[in-house]
Amino acid sequence: MTYDLTVVTVCRNALLTLKKTLDSVFEQKRRAGISIEHLIIDGASTDGTPDYLQELLEQGKIERYVSEPDRGIYDAMNKGMRLARGTVLTFLNADDSYTEEDLSQCVLPIVRGATDCVAGDCASWKDGKRHACWPAEPDLAYLRIPLPHPALFIRTTLYRSLGGFDAEHFRCAADTDLMCALMKRGMTPLLLRKEITNFDSGGFSDSDHCETKFLDEHVEIMRRNWDALSARSASDPNYASLVTVYLLNRSAELDGWAGRYGREPMPTASILKDMCVEHRKRDPHAEKGLCWTAEVYLPEIIRRHKVGFLMRQKMDFIRMLYNLPPTSPYVNLGYHQTKRKWLKTRLVSLFS
């Protein structure tokens, strides 16, 4: 049997949050004008999840489940991708749910051949409170995750064409890597600009495990897609400035992480150093800042795994010059207008 949509839910020992997710998909089956397969990939849970899934299967509330050991979240997602029987594929984690929007608007354009990908927005929740909207931003591909994965619907054969998620090289950002690969091949998402999914930001991606890996993996994604970044930067000055902001941002994030998480910053710092040096040619107005970052700031991190107070303030000043907002989702610069004024008067002579 085939379906219009397969919803894959990956879980392990998530019985307390799984019910909300399963009820959400079941409600879509009741009212959406499409056929939906709900496939649960359970990582051999020990909290009663397999017994609960068997009950739901017998009640007809889910179509299939698998409960067996896996090698991590992306290995489980690849398993779901291979088993999916829907024309369209999407992933919904065990602590997420759908809003009241009808999923048929996300699926039918793909089923009817109008597009291969539809992307909506996510309502981001934490500790039971809605705190932000996570929008689809395809222009930020290769710099960060461009499309919110829980609200992303892609033709299943297109997912499979790239062999799935690179679980071998990425522990936390394989979804970003796959989206970038698809967009590099010309995938143009249809953007709905509606909140399709309620996303719980306190899950796997917010764990200390991922905090230790996200920066390194996103820098690796920039390295893998440097040709696309460079080509667009050469023809679009605004995009070149955006790449500058992300290079400075990620360089600053390295400071102090060795002490906090015990991770080795040298390989990532070396990659950033090379990218800063090369990108100077594409963003001439940022040459001085990129030069200082590559020749002074990053070598100091490589040598000591951290930098001193004055260098940190100078880095804040450089990022301020390129209008990186204090509310950046990647680095909380922690300064307000009074500190901005202090930075200008304290450091402009040192950096000029």
Foldseek 3Di string as FASTA:
>chain_A
DAWLEEEEEEEAQLVVQQVQALVQVLVLCVPAPTGYAYEYEYQQHPNCVVVVVVVCCVVVSHPYYHYHHADADQRSVLVCLVPHRHQKYAYDYSNKHWDPDRCCVQRVCCVVPVAFKAAEKAQEDEPHDGDDIGGQACVCQLLAQRGPRRRMMGGSVLCPVVPGFPVVPDRQCSVSLSVSVSVVVPHDYHYDHHHTMYHYPPDDCVDPVNVLPVLVVSLVSNVVCVVVQVVVLQVDVVSLLVVVLSLLLSLLVQAPCCVVPVDQCQVSLVSSLVVLVVSCVSHVVLVLVSCCSNPPVSVVCNVPVHDDPVVSLVSLLSSVVSVDDCPDPRDNSPDDDVVNVVSCVPPVVVSD
